[in-house]
Amino acid sequence: MALLAVLGGILIRVCANMQSAYNQSIRMAAMAEDARTVFSLIGRDLRLSITREDDIPGYNIRIHQPGPSELWFVSANESGNGTGASLIEVAYRLNGNTLERAEVEEGATDKDGLLLWNPYGDRNDASRADPGGFQPVIDGVMRFSLTCYDSQLMVLVLDQSSQSPTMVGVTISLLDGKSYQQWERLPEAERDAFVGQRARTFHKLIQIPGAQFFNQ
């Protein structure tokens, strides 16, 4: 009986370890899938991004980064609602622990009927002030940053610039859905340690093919 008890204890520990490893693999897979979604979306927008100096004499198409977790630019992309707009204004930001994306397409107006879309104006958040402007991409984001580089891999500070970055580095740290719910219920003092144990960080370097032609 003592031997059976020992063997039973070992079996329980083995099963518990297997279950823990399985749960960990599920969490890792969920976070990796979220990261792929983010990289795919941002990569699509950035690879088609446009900057121009004097595209029309006196009119520039600019890119702007007001903070490390924000980027506003113009993309030669189809709008999300399928209207076929050829140029859209795109913005990304981290709002709390939610990564959000906004787009303004040709013909978009605010609640008062004023035109929002202006690819030749300064990139700013005024045109996205309405509550529906930003849409959530994913939750559970513990860290999100965008780093812009020139062709010499020097960091660019983009302040309403008509110079396009050659590459953009994207870093995102995530919790899976279940872990994020647990994190939200934790006392503030315990959250950092929990993130250190459960979060996973992903990196992606996105090249912008047309960057070398920004001045032409």
C-alpha atoms as a PDB file:
ATOM      1  CA  MET A   1       0.000   0.000   0.000  1.00  0.00           C
ATOM      2  CA  ALA A   2       2.885   2.356   0.826  1.00  0.00           C
ATOM      3  CA  LEU A   3       4.439   1.617  -2.558  1.00  0.00           C
ATOM      4  CA  LEU A   4       1.140   2.283  -4.320  1.00  0.00           C
ATOM      5  CA  ALA A   5       0.799   5.560  -2.442  1.00  0.00           C
ATOM      6  CA  VAL A   6       4.278   6.645  -3.551  1.00  0.00           C
ATOM      7  CA  LEU A   7       3.608   5.626  -7.140  1.00  0.00           C
ATOM      8  CA  GLY A   8       0.251   7.402  -7.030  1.00  0.00           C
ATOM      9  CA  GLY A   9       1.924  10.592  -5.777  1.00  0.00           C
ATOM     10  CA  ILE A  10       4.514  10.412  -8.560  1.00  0.00           C
ATOM     11  CA  LEU A  11       1.787   9.862 -11.157  1.00  0.00           C
ATOM     12  CA  ILE A  12      -0.181  12.839  -9.871  1.00  0.00           C
ATOM     13  CA  ARG A  13       2.903  15.067 -10.095  1.00  0.00           C
ATOM     14  CA  VAL A  14       3.669  13.829 -13.601  1.00  0.00           C
ATOM     15  CA  CYS A  15       0.098  14.490 -14.726  1.00  0.00           C
ATOM     16  CA  ALA A  16       0.151  17.929 -13.103  1.00  0.00           C
ATOM     17  CA  ASN A  17       3.419  18.780 -14.866  1.00  0.00           C
ATOM     18  CA  MET A  18       2.031  17.573 -18.188  1.00  0.00           C
ATOM     19  CA  GLN A  19      -1.098  19.671 -17.701  1.00  0.00           C
ATOM     20  CA  SER A  20       1.013  22.709 -16.801  1.00  0.00           C
ATOM     21  CA  ALA A  21       3.201  22.224 -19.877  1.00  0.00           C
ATOM     22  CA  TYR A  22       0.099  21.853 -22.053  1.00  0.00           C
ATOM     23  CA  ASN A  23      -1.450  25.026 -20.629  1.00  0.00           C
ATOM     24  CA  GLN A  24       1.826  26.860 -21.189  1.00  0.00           C
ATOM     25  CA  SER A  25       1.971  25.742 -24.819  1.00  0.00           C
ATOM     26  CA  ILE A  26      -1.622  26.919 -25.337  1.00  0.00           C
ATOM     27  CA  ARG A  27      -0.786  30.321 -23.824  1.00  0.00           C
ATOM     28  CA  MET A  28       2.334  30.660 -25.951  1.00  0.00           C
ATOM     29  CA  ALA A  29       0.440  29.734 -29.111  1.00  0.00           C
ATOM     30  CA  ALA A  30      -2.283  32.304 -28.348  1.00  0.00           C
ATOM     31  CA  MET A  31       0.266  35.069 -27.765  1.00  0.00           C
ATOM     32  CA  ALA A  32       2.220  34.151 -30.904  1.00  0.00           C
ATOM     33  CA  GLU A  33      -0.992  34.311 -32.943  1.00  0.00           C
ATOM     34  CA  ASP A  34      -1.828  37.754 -31.531  1.00  0.00           C
ATOM     35  CA  ALA A  35       1.693  38.954 -32.360  1.00  0.00           C
ATOM     36  CA  ARG A  36       1.387  37.657 -35.932  1.00  0.00           C
ATOM     37  CA  THR A  37      -1.914  39.521 -36.294  1.00  0.00           C
ATOM     38  CA  VAL A  38      -0.332  42.781 -35.134  1.00  0.00           C
ATOM     39  CA  PHE A  39       2.779  42.416 -37.299  1.00  0.00           C
ATOM     40  CA  SER A  40       0.703  41.535 -40.359  1.00  0.00           C
ATOM     41  CA  LEU A  41      -1.591  44.541 -39.937  1.00  0.00           C
ATOM     42  CA  ILE A  42       1.137  47.070 -39.194  1.00  0.00           C
ATOM     43  CA  GLY A  43       3.385  45.589 -41.882  1.00  0.00           C
ATOM     44  CA  ARG A  44       0.688  45.915 -44.530  1.00  0.00           C
ATOM     45  CA  ASP A  45       0.065  49.570 -43.648  1.00  0.00           C
ATOM     46  CA  LEU A  46       3.732  50.523 -43.379  1.00  0.00           C
ATOM     47  CA  ARG A  47       4.901  48.792 -46.575  1.00  0.00           C
ATOM     48  CA  LEU A  48       2.406  50.938 -48.461  1.00  0.00           C
ATOM     49  CA  SER A  49       3.105  54.110 -46.480  1.00  0.00           C
ATOM     50  CA  ILE A  50       3.803  57.318 -48.394  1.00  0.00           C
ATOM     51  CA  THR A  51       5.685  60.512 -47.643  1.00  0.00           C
ATOM     52  CA  ARG A  52       6.289  63.249 -50.201  1.00  0.00           C
ATOM     53  CA  GLU A  53       7.880  66.662 -50.192  1.00  0.00           C
ATOM     54  CA  ASP A  54       6.092  69.036 -52.565  1.00  0.00           C
ATOM     55  CA  ASP A  55       3.921  66.277 -53.972  1.00  0.00           C
ATOM     56  CA  ILE A  56       1.848  69.209 -55.155  1.00  0.00           C
ATOM     57  CA  PRO A  57       3.955  72.393 -54.926  1.00  0.00           C
ATOM     58  CA  GLY A  58       3.768  73.536 -51.348  1.00  0.00           C
ATOM     59  CA  TYR A  59       1.956  70.420 -50.135  1.00  0.00           C
ATOM     60  CA  ASN A  60       3.709  67.634 -48.255  1.00  0.00           C
ATOM     61  CA  ILE A  61       2.586  64.175 -47.168  1.00  0.00           C
ATOM     62  CA  ARG A  62       3.935  63.728 -43.663  1.00  0.00           C
ATOM     63  CA  ILE A  63       4.551  61.041 -41.090  1.00  0.00           C
ATOM     64  CA  HIS A  64       4.480  61.787 -37.362  1.00  0.00           C
ATOM     65  CA  GLN A  65       5.391  59.922 -34.185  1.00  0.00           C
ATOM     66  CA  PRO A  66       4.196  61.831 -31.108  1.00  0.00           C
ATOM     67  CA  GLY A  67       5.331  59.063 -28.762  1.00  0.00           C
ATOM     68  CA  PRO A  68       7.053  55.652 -28.773  1.00  0.00           C
ATOM     69  CA  SER A  69       3.741  53.784 -28.842  1.00  0.00           C
ATOM     70  CA  GLU A  70       2.101  55.966 -31.527  1.00  0.00           C
ATOM     71  CA  LEU A  71       2.561  56.477 -35.257  1.00  0.00           C
ATOM     72  CA  TRP A  72       0.429  58.420 -37.752  1.00  0.00           C
ATOM     73  CA  PHE A  73       0.994  58.208 -41.506  1.00  0.00           C
ATOM     74  CA  VAL A  74      -0.618  57.966 -44.956  1.00  0.00           C
ATOM     75  CA  SER A  75      -0.890  54.576 -46.641  1.00  0.00           C
ATOM     76  CA  ALA A  76      -1.729  53.684 -50.244  1.00  0.00           C
ATOM     77  CA  ASN A  77      -4.072  51.022 -48.987  1.00  0.00           C
ATOM     78  CA  GLU A  78      -7.688  50.053 -49.378  1.00  0.00           C
ATOM     79  CA  SER A  79      -9.874  51.189 -46.525  1.00  0.00           C
ATOM     80  CA  GLY A  80     -11.185  48.629 -44.100  1.00  0.00           C
ATOM     81  CA  ASN A  81     -14.802  49.158 -45.141  1.00  0.00           C
ATOM     82  CA  GLY A  82     -14.066  48.083 -48.711  1.00  0.00           C
ATOM     83  CA  THR A  83     -14.850  51.391 -50.400  1.00  0.00           C
ATOM     84  CA  GLY A  84     -11.638  51.179 -52.420  1.00  0.00           C
ATOM     85  CA  ALA A  85     -10.089  54.434 -51.229  1.00  0.00           C
ATOM     86  CA  SER A  86      -6.569  54.696 -52.626  1.00  0.00           C
ATOM     87  CA  LEU A  87      -5.093  56.779 -49.797  1.00  0.00           C
ATOM     88  CA  ILE A  88      -5.968  56.467 -46.144  1.00  0.00           C
ATOM     89  CA  GLU A  89      -4.653  58.170 -43.034  1.00  0.00           C
ATOM     90  CA  VAL A  90      -3.628  55.550 -40.481  1.00  0.00           C
ATOM     91  CA  ALA A  91      -2.884  55.858 -36.778  1.00  0.00           C
ATOM     92  CA  TYR A  92      -1.719  53.343 -34.168  1.00  0.00           C
ATOM     93  CA  ARG A  93      -1.636  53.861 -30.416  1.00  0.00           C
ATOM     94  CA  LEU A  94      -1.561  51.945 -27.139  1.00  0.00           C
ATOM     95  CA  ASN A  95      -4.566  52.918 -25.039  1.00  0.00           C
ATOM     96  CA  GLY A  96      -4.117  51.382 -21.611  1.00  0.00           C
ATOM     97  CA  ASN A  97      -3.501  47.728 -22.443  1.00  0.00           C
ATOM     98  CA  THR A  98      -5.336  47.790 -25.766  1.00  0.00           C
ATOM     99  CA  LEU A  99      -3.575  48.292 -29.085  1.00  0.00           C
ATOM    100  CA  GLU A 100      -5.794  50.438 -31.301  1.00  0.00           C
ATOM    101  CA  ARG A 101      -5.824  51.406 -34.959  1.00  0.00           C
ATOM    102  CA  ALA A 102      -7.675  54.212 -36.741  1.00  0.00           C
ATOM    103  CA  GLU A 103      -8.070  55.067 -40.380  1.00  0.00           C
ATOM    104  CA  VAL A 104      -9.522  58.070 -42.174  1.00  0.00           C
ATOM    105  CA  GLU A 105     -10.459  57.542 -45.802  1.00  0.00           C
ATOM    106  CA  GLU A 106     -11.311  59.857 -48.657  1.00  0.00           C
ATOM    107  CA  GLY A 107     -14.647  61.533 -48.083  1.00  0.00           C
ATOM    108  CA  ALA A 108     -14.767  60.774 -44.336  1.00  0.00           C
ATOM    109  CA  THR A 109     -16.582  63.459 -42.341  1.00  0.00           C
ATOM    110  CA  ASP A 110     -17.202  64.153 -38.674  1.00  0.00           C
ATOM    111  CA  LYS A 111     -20.610  64.387 -36.998  1.00  0.00           C
ATOM    112  CA  ASP A 112     -20.949  67.972 -38.206  1.00  0.00           C
ATOM    113  CA  GLY A 113     -20.237  67.054 -41.822  1.00  0.00           C
ATOM    114  CA  LEU A 114     -16.735  68.536 -41.896  1.00  0.00           C
ATOM    115  CA  LEU A 115     -14.173  66.717 -44.017  1.00  0.00           C
ATOM    116  CA  LEU A 116     -11.690  64.718 -41.930  1.00  0.00           C
ATOM    117  CA  TRP A 117      -9.504  63.293 -44.681  1.00  0.00           C
ATOM    118  CA  ASN A 118      -6.522  65.469 -45.559  1.00  0.00           C
ATOM    119  CA  PRO A 119      -3.363  63.590 -46.628  1.00  0.00           C
ATOM    120  CA  TYR A 120      -1.551  66.912 -47.136  1.00  0.00           C
ATOM    121  CA  GLY A 121      -2.247  68.257 -43.655  1.00  0.00           C
ATOM    122  CA  ASP A 122      -0.275  67.652 -40.496  1.00  0.00           C
ATOM    123  CA  ARG A 123      -0.732  64.215 -39.031  1.00  0.00           C
ATOM    124  CA  ASN A 124      -2.703  64.824 -35.854  1.00  0.00           C
ATOM    125  CA  ASP A 125      -5.301  63.211 -33.678  1.00  0.00           C
ATOM    126  CA  ALA A 126      -7.979  65.862 -34.147  1.00  0.00           C
ATOM    127  CA  SER A 127      -9.653  63.988 -36.991  1.00  0.00           C
ATOM    128  CA  ARG A 128      -9.910  60.876 -34.807  1.00  0.00           C
ATOM    129  CA  ALA A 129     -11.439  62.542 -31.785  1.00  0.00           C
ATOM    130  CA  ASP A 130     -14.826  60.868 -32.226  1.00  0.00           C
ATOM    131  CA  PRO A 131     -15.372  57.794 -29.991  1.00  0.00           C
ATOM    132  CA  GLY A 132     -15.537  55.446 -32.984  1.00  0.00           C
ATOM    133  CA  GLY A 133     -12.303  56.710 -34.525  1.00  0.00           C
ATOM    134  CA  PHE A 134      -9.981  54.140 -32.978  1.00  0.00           C
ATOM    135  CA  GLN A 135     -10.814  50.455 -33.117  1.00  0.00           C
ATOM    136  CA  PRO A 136      -9.255  47.782 -30.865  1.00  0.00           C
ATOM    137  CA  VAL A 137      -6.792  45.359 -32.445  1.00  0.00           C
ATOM    138  CA  ILE A 138      -5.875  43.218 -29.403  1.00  0.00           C
ATOM    139  CA  ASP A 139      -6.028  43.449 -25.606  1.00  0.00           C
ATOM    140  CA  GLY A 140      -3.504  42.247 -23.063  1.00  0.00           C
ATOM    141  CA  VAL A 141      -0.680  44.433 -24.383  1.00  0.00           C
ATOM    142  CA  MET A 142       1.846  45.119 -21.633  1.00  0.00           C
ATOM    143  CA  ARG A 143       4.245  47.038 -23.847  1.00  0.00           C
ATOM    144  CA  PHE A 144       4.140  48.368 -27.401  1.00  0.00           C
ATOM    145  CA  SER A 145       6.776  50.471 -29.116  1.00  0.00           C
ATOM    146  CA  LEU A 146       7.667  51.553 -32.636  1.00  0.00           C
ATOM    147  CA  THR A 147      11.238  52.585 -33.517  1.00  0.00           C
ATOM    148  CA  CYS A 148      11.902  54.231 -36.875  1.00  0.00           C
ATOM    149  CA  TYR A 149      15.279  53.952 -38.626  1.00  0.00           C
ATOM    150  CA  ASP A 150      16.895  55.611 -41.633  1.00  0.00           C
ATOM    151  CA  SER A 151      18.963  53.779 -44.264  1.00  0.00           C
ATOM    152  CA  GLN A 152      22.025  53.913 -41.947  1.00  0.00           C
ATOM    153  CA  LEU A 153      19.999  52.299 -39.137  1.00  0.00           C
ATOM    154  CA  MET A 154      20.062  55.532 -37.156  1.00  0.00           C
ATOM    155  CA  VAL A 155      16.953  56.218 -35.104  1.00  0.00           C
ATOM    156  CA  LEU A 156      14.668  58.805 -36.682  1.00  0.00           C
ATOM    157  CA  VAL A 157      12.639  61.287 -34.665  1.00  0.00           C
ATOM    158  CA  LEU A 158       9.604  61.854 -36.859  1.00  0.00           C
ATOM    159  CA  ASP A 159       7.996  65.211 -36.138  1.00  0.00           C
ATOM    160  CA  GLN A 160       5.637  65.953 -39.025  1.00  0.00           C
ATOM    161  CA  SER A 161       8.403  64.741 -41.331  1.00  0.00           C
ATOM    162  CA  SER A 162       8.309  64.232 -45.077  1.00  0.00           C
ATOM    163  CA  GLN A 163      11.198  61.772 -44.749  1.00  0.00           C
ATOM    164  CA  SER A 164      10.056  58.196 -44.598  1.00  0.00           C
ATOM    165  CA  PRO A 165      11.848  55.708 -42.365  1.00  0.00           C
ATOM    166  CA  THR A 166      13.587  52.885 -44.166  1.00  0.00           C
ATOM    167  CA  MET A 167      12.625  50.403 -41.466  1.00  0.00           C
ATOM    168  CA  VAL A 168      10.356  50.332 -38.442  1.00  0.00           C
ATOM    169  CA  GLY A 169      11.047  48.065 -35.476  1.00  0.00           C
ATOM    170  CA  VAL A 170       7.937  46.838 -33.671  1.00  0.00           C
ATOM    171  CA  THR A 171       8.143  45.465 -30.129  1.00  0.00           C
ATOM    172  CA  ILE A 172       5.124  44.076 -28.331  1.00  0.00           C
ATOM    173  CA  SER A 173       4.795  42.289 -24.988  1.00  0.00           C
ATOM    174  CA  LEU A 174       1.611  40.279 -24.505  1.00  0.00           C
ATOM    175  CA  LEU A 175      -0.404  38.278 -22.037  1.00  0.00           C
ATOM    176  CA  ASP A 176      -2.817  35.626 -23.230  1.00  0.00           C
ATOM    177  CA  GLY A 177      -6.511  36.222 -22.544  1.00  0.00           C
ATOM    178  CA  LYS A 178      -6.776  34.152 -19.358  1.00  0.00           C
ATOM    179  CA  SER A 179      -3.555  35.559 -17.888  1.00  0.00           C
ATOM    180  CA  TYR A 180      -4.672  39.100 -18.710  1.00  0.00           C
ATOM    181  CA  GLN A 181      -7.916  38.554 -16.782  1.00  0.00           C
ATOM    182  CA  GLN A 182      -5.877  37.299 -13.822  1.00  0.00           C
ATOM    183  CA  TRP A 183      -3.553  40.308 -14.108  1.00  0.00           C
ATOM    184  CA  GLU A 184      -6.505  42.710 -13.971  1.00  0.00           C
ATOM    185  CA  ARG A 185      -7.651  41.188 -10.661  1.00  0.00           C
ATOM    186  CA  LEU A 186      -4.216  41.370  -9.019  1.00  0.00           C
ATOM    187  CA  PRO A 187      -3.202  44.111  -6.565  1.00  0.00           C
ATOM    188  CA  GLU A 188      -0.995  46.744  -8.157  1.00  0.00           C
ATOM    189  CA  ALA A 189       2.054  45.582  -6.170  1.00  0.00           C
ATOM    190  CA  GLU A 190       1.881  42.064  -7.653  1.00  0.00           C
ATOM    191  CA  ARG A 191       1.338  42.926 -11.287  1.00  0.00           C
ATOM    192  CA  ASP A 192       4.936  43.474 -12.421  1.00  0.00           C
ATOM    193  CA  ALA A 193       6.073  40.113 -11.079  1.00  0.00           C
ATOM    194  CA  PHE A 194       3.137  38.399 -12.762  1.00  0.00           C
ATOM    195  CA  VAL A 195       3.946  40.051 -16.095  1.00  0.00           C
ATOM    196  CA  GLY A 196       7.564  39.005 -15.748  1.00  0.00           C
ATOM    197  CA  GLN A 197       6.469  35.381 -15.394  1.00  0.00           C
ATOM    198  CA  ARG A 198       3.642  35.216 -17.924  1.00  0.00           C
ATOM    199  CA  ALA A 199       4.210  37.823 -20.643  1.00  0.00           C
ATOM    200  CA  ARG A 200       6.087  37.139 -23.852  1.00  0.00           C
ATOM    201  CA  THR A 201       7.854  39.761 -25.966  1.00  0.00           C
ATOM    202  CA  PHE A 202       7.925  39.689 -29.769  1.00  0.00           C
ATOM    203  CA  HIS A 203      10.005  41.772 -32.181  1.00  0.00           C
ATOM    204  CA  LYS A 204       9.586  42.497 -35.884  1.00  0.00           C
ATOM    205  CA  LEU A 205      11.616  44.695 -38.241  1.00  0.00           C
ATOM    206  CA  ILE A 206       9.478  45.974 -41.120  1.00  0.00           C
ATOM    207  CA  GLN A 207      11.170  47.336 -44.221  1.00  0.00           C
ATOM    208  CA  ILE A 208       9.498  50.101 -46.231  1.00  0.00           C
ATOM    209  CA  PRO A 209      10.344  49.444 -49.911  1.00  0.00           C
ATOM    210  CA  GLY A 210       9.560  52.922 -51.229  1.00  0.00           C
ATOM    211  CA  ALA A 211      11.413  54.847 -48.522  1.00  0.00           C
ATOM    212  CA  GLN A 212      14.383  55.645 -50.744  1.00  0.00           C
ATOM    213  CA  PHE A 213      12.055  57.527 -53.102  1.00  0.00           C
ATOM    214  CA  PHE A 214      10.485  59.801 -50.514  1.00  0.00           C
ATOM    215  CA  ASN A 215      11.990  62.920 -52.074  1.00  0.00           C
ATOM    216  CA  GLN A 216      11.071  62.147 -55.690  1.00  0.00           C
END
